[in-house]
Every structure is written in C-alpha cells, then in structure tokens.
C-alpha cells in the first residue's frame, strides 16, 4: 500500500471518528425544525456521500481492470 493510500485511509478513519452521532440520523430526523443549520448540513452530506463513494470506487475499478496482474485466469 502506497503512502498516499495510507494517508487517505487514515484521513477517512479520522473523519469517520470525528463525525457526530447525529450525522447517522435518518433524513427525516435531520431536517426537523429543531435541527437548524446543522440539519441542513447533515442532509446535504447524506446527498453528497453516494457521489463521493462512486468517485472513489470507479477509478479504483478502472485501475484494477487496466492491471493485467489483477485479472482472473482460467486454470483448467
């Protein structure tokens, strides 16, 4: 694993640990009247997270597909 990969893994772990438990609330709970600005931020985060996952996974899959050492071969 490269240094950059380890850095991103560490940064992701730090963000996950620093995220308040309110961020794991459902969208309905996040936008209650009492939530205020934090509720809007949480709802926006819930919308953005799937795009961030795709932006991370797709390049990794393309790199894996381009590397012939990672392809499965038929051993029969």
N, C-alpha and C. Protein backbone atom coordinates (compact mmCIF):
# COMPACT_ATOMS: atom_id res chain seq x y z
N UNK A 1 0.86 -1.17 0.00
CA UNK A 1 0.00 0.00 0.00
C UNK A 1 0.91 1.23 0.00
N UNK A 2 0.61 2.16 -0.88
CA UNK A 2 1.45 3.34 -1.00
C UNK A 2 1.19 4.31 0.15
N UNK A 3 2.09 5.25 0.29
CA UNK A 3 1.97 6.24 1.36
C UNK A 3 0.71 7.08 1.17
N UNK A 4 0.41 7.42 -0.07
CA UNK A 4 -0.79 8.22 -0.34
C UNK A 4 -2.05 7.44 0.02
N UNK A 5 -2.09 6.16 -0.29
CA UNK A 5 -3.25 5.34 0.05
C UNK A 5 -3.42 5.26 1.57
N UNK A 6 -2.31 5.10 2.27
CA UNK A 6 -2.38 5.05 3.73
C UNK A 6 -2.86 6.38 4.29
N UNK A 7 -2.41 7.48 3.67
CA UNK A 7 -2.84 8.78 4.14
C UNK A 7 -4.34 8.95 3.98
N UNK A 8 -4.88 8.58 2.81
CA UNK A 8 -6.32 8.71 2.57
C UNK A 8 -7.11 7.79 3.49
N UNK A 9 -6.59 6.59 3.74
CA UNK A 9 -7.26 5.68 4.66
C UNK A 9 -7.29 6.27 6.06
N UNK A 10 -6.18 6.83 6.49
CA UNK A 10 -6.13 7.47 7.80
C UNK A 10 -7.04 8.68 7.89
N UNK A 11 -7.06 9.48 6.83
CA UNK A 11 -7.93 10.66 6.81
C UNK A 11 -9.40 10.25 6.87
N UNK A 12 -9.75 9.20 6.13
CA UNK A 12 -11.13 8.72 6.16
C UNK A 12 -11.52 8.19 7.53
N UNK A 13 -10.61 7.48 8.17
CA UNK A 13 -10.88 6.97 9.51
C UNK A 13 -11.05 8.12 10.50
N UNK A 14 -10.22 9.14 10.36
CA UNK A 14 -10.32 10.30 11.25
C UNK A 14 -11.65 11.01 11.07
N UNK A 15 -12.08 11.19 9.84
CA UNK A 15 -13.37 11.83 9.58
C UNK A 15 -14.51 10.99 10.14
N UNK A 16 -14.44 9.67 9.96
CA UNK A 16 -15.49 8.80 10.48
C UNK A 16 -15.57 8.85 12.00
N UNK A 17 -14.42 8.93 12.65
CA UNK A 17 -14.41 9.01 14.11
C UNK A 17 -14.84 10.38 14.62
N UNK A 18 -14.58 11.42 13.85
CA UNK A 18 -14.91 12.77 14.28
C UNK A 18 -16.36 13.15 13.97
N UNK A 19 -17.03 12.34 13.16
CA UNK A 19 -18.41 12.64 12.78
C UNK A 19 -19.33 12.44 13.99
N UNK A 20 -20.13 13.43 14.30
CA UNK A 20 -21.04 13.26 15.44
C UNK A 20 -22.10 12.20 15.14
N UNK A 21 -22.63 11.63 16.19
CA UNK A 21 -23.63 10.58 16.01
C UNK A 21 -24.89 11.11 15.33
N UNK A 22 -25.13 12.41 15.40
CA UNK A 22 -26.29 12.98 14.73
C UNK A 22 -26.19 12.83 13.23
N UNK A 23 -24.98 12.70 12.69
CA UNK A 23 -24.81 12.55 11.25
C UNK A 23 -25.35 11.22 10.76
N UNK A 24 -25.52 10.28 11.64
CA UNK A 24 -26.04 8.98 11.25
C UNK A 24 -27.56 8.91 11.36
N UNK A 25 -28.20 10.05 11.59
CA UNK A 25 -29.65 10.10 11.70
C UNK A 25 -30.28 9.98 10.32
N UNK A 26 -31.53 9.59 10.31
CA UNK A 26 -32.25 9.49 9.04
C UNK A 26 -32.52 10.91 8.52
N UNK A 27 -32.76 11.06 7.21
CA UNK A 27 -33.01 12.41 6.66
C UNK A 27 -34.20 13.11 7.31
N UNK A 28 -35.22 12.36 7.68
CA UNK A 28 -36.38 12.98 8.31
C UNK A 28 -35.99 13.61 9.64
N UNK A 29 -35.21 12.88 10.44
CA UNK A 29 -34.79 13.40 11.74
C UNK A 29 -33.82 14.56 11.58
N UNK A 30 -33.02 14.54 10.53
CA UNK A 30 -32.01 15.58 10.35
C UNK A 30 -32.61 16.93 9.98
N UNK A 31 -33.79 16.95 9.37
CA UNK A 31 -34.36 18.22 8.93
C UNK A 31 -35.55 18.67 9.79
N UNK A 32 -35.63 18.18 10.99
CA UNK A 32 -36.68 18.66 11.90
C UNK A 32 -36.48 20.15 12.14
N UNK A 33 -37.51 20.79 12.63
CA UNK A 33 -37.42 22.24 12.88
C UNK A 33 -36.35 22.57 13.91
N UNK A 34 -36.13 21.69 14.87
CA UNK A 34 -35.14 21.95 15.91
C UNK A 34 -33.71 21.77 15.41
N UNK A 35 -33.52 21.16 14.25
CA UNK A 35 -32.18 20.84 13.77
C UNK A 35 -31.43 22.09 13.31
N UNK A 36 -32.12 23.06 12.77
CA UNK A 36 -31.49 24.31 12.34
C UNK A 36 -30.53 24.10 11.18
N UNK A 37 -29.46 24.88 11.17
CA UNK A 37 -28.48 24.83 10.10
C UNK A 37 -27.75 23.49 10.07
N UNK A 38 -27.51 22.91 11.22
CA UNK A 38 -26.82 21.62 11.28
C UNK A 38 -27.64 20.55 10.56
N UNK A 39 -28.94 20.62 10.65
CA UNK A 39 -29.80 19.66 9.94
C UNK A 39 -29.66 19.79 8.44
N UNK A 40 -29.55 21.01 7.95
CA UNK A 40 -29.36 21.22 6.51
C UNK A 40 -28.01 20.69 6.05
N UNK A 41 -26.99 20.90 6.87
CA UNK A 41 -25.66 20.38 6.55
C UNK A 41 -25.67 18.86 6.53
N UNK A 42 -26.34 18.25 7.50
CA UNK A 42 -26.42 16.79 7.54
C UNK A 42 -27.16 16.25 6.33
N UNK A 43 -28.25 16.89 5.95
CA UNK A 43 -29.00 16.45 4.78
C UNK A 43 -28.14 16.57 3.53
N UNK A 44 -27.42 17.66 3.40
CA UNK A 44 -26.51 17.83 2.26
C UNK A 44 -25.43 16.76 2.24
N UNK A 45 -24.91 16.42 3.41
CA UNK A 45 -23.89 15.37 3.49
C UNK A 45 -24.47 14.02 3.06
N UNK A 46 -25.71 13.76 3.45
CA UNK A 46 -26.34 12.50 3.05
C UNK A 46 -26.55 12.43 1.54
N UNK A 47 -26.73 13.56 0.91
CA UNK A 47 -26.90 13.59 -0.54
C UNK A 47 -25.55 13.43 -1.23
N UNK A 48 -24.49 14.01 -0.69
CA UNK A 48 -23.18 14.02 -1.33
C UNK A 48 -22.42 12.70 -1.16
N UNK A 49 -22.61 12.01 -0.05
CA UNK A 49 -21.82 10.80 0.26
C UNK A 49 -21.88 9.75 -0.86
N UNK A 50 -23.03 9.42 -1.43
CA UNK A 50 -23.00 8.42 -2.52
C UNK A 50 -22.15 8.85 -3.71
N UNK A 51 -22.14 10.13 -4.02
CA UNK A 51 -21.31 10.62 -5.12
C UNK A 51 -19.82 10.49 -4.79
N UNK A 52 -19.47 10.73 -3.55
CA UNK A 52 -18.08 10.56 -3.13
C UNK A 52 -17.65 9.10 -3.21
N UNK A 53 -18.55 8.21 -2.84
CA UNK A 53 -18.23 6.77 -2.93
C UNK A 53 -18.00 6.38 -4.38
N UNK A 54 -18.87 6.82 -5.26
CA UNK A 54 -18.70 6.50 -6.69
C UNK A 54 -17.42 7.11 -7.23
N UNK A 55 -17.12 8.34 -6.83
CA UNK A 55 -15.91 9.00 -7.31
C UNK A 55 -14.65 8.28 -6.82
N UNK A 56 -14.75 7.53 -5.76
CA UNK A 56 -13.62 6.77 -5.24
C UNK A 56 -13.54 5.37 -5.85
N UNK A 57 -14.67 4.71 -5.98
CA UNK A 57 -14.70 3.31 -6.41
C UNK A 57 -14.46 3.16 -7.91
N UNK A 58 -15.04 4.02 -8.72
CA UNK A 58 -14.91 3.88 -10.17
C UNK A 58 -13.46 3.96 -10.64
N UNK A 59 -12.68 4.95 -10.20
CA UNK A 59 -11.27 4.96 -10.62
C UNK A 59 -10.50 3.73 -10.12
N UNK A 60 -10.83 3.25 -8.93
CA UNK A 60 -10.15 2.06 -8.42
C UNK A 60 -10.47 0.84 -9.27
N UNK A 61 -11.71 0.72 -9.69
CA UNK A 61 -12.09 -0.40 -10.56
C UNK A 61 -11.44 -0.28 -11.93
N UNK A 62 -11.33 0.92 -12.45
CA UNK A 62 -10.68 1.11 -13.74
C UNK A 62 -9.19 0.77 -13.67
N UNK A 63 -8.55 1.18 -12.57
CA UNK A 63 -7.13 0.83 -12.38
C UNK A 63 -6.96 -0.68 -12.28
N UNK A 64 -7.86 -1.33 -11.57
CA UNK A 64 -7.78 -2.79 -11.42
C UNK A 64 -8.01 -3.48 -12.76
N UNK A 65 -8.91 -2.95 -13.57
CA UNK A 65 -9.18 -3.56 -14.88
C UNK A 65 -8.00 -3.36 -15.83
N UNK A 66 -7.28 -2.27 -15.68
CA UNK A 66 -6.14 -2.00 -16.56
C UNK A 66 -4.90 -2.79 -16.17
N UNK A 67 -4.83 -3.29 -14.96
CA UNK A 67 -3.67 -4.03 -14.49
C UNK A 67 -3.86 -5.52 -14.79
N UNK A 68 -3.09 -6.07 -15.73
CA UNK A 68 -3.29 -7.47 -16.11
C UNK A 68 -2.96 -8.46 -14.99
N UNK A 69 -2.18 -8.05 -14.01
CA UNK A 69 -1.85 -8.96 -12.91
C UNK A 69 -3.02 -9.20 -11.99
N UNK A 70 -4.04 -8.36 -12.07
CA UNK A 70 -5.20 -8.48 -11.20
C UNK A 70 -6.37 -9.24 -11.85
N UNK A 71 -6.25 -9.58 -13.11
CA UNK A 71 -7.34 -10.28 -13.78
C UNK A 71 -7.34 -11.76 -13.44
N UNK A 72 -8.52 -12.33 -13.41
CA UNK A 72 -8.66 -13.75 -13.12
C UNK A 72 -8.35 -14.56 -14.38
N UNK A 73 -7.66 -15.67 -14.20
CA UNK A 73 -7.36 -16.53 -15.32
C UNK A 73 -7.98 -17.90 -15.09
N UNK A 74 -8.29 -18.56 -16.15
CA UNK A 74 -8.88 -19.89 -16.08
C UNK A 74 -7.74 -20.91 -15.90
N UNK A 75 -7.74 -21.64 -14.82
CA UNK A 75 -6.66 -22.56 -14.53
C UNK A 75 -6.99 -24.00 -14.93
N UNK A 76 -8.07 -24.23 -15.61
CA UNK A 76 -8.44 -25.59 -16.02
C UNK A 76 -7.65 -26.03 -17.21
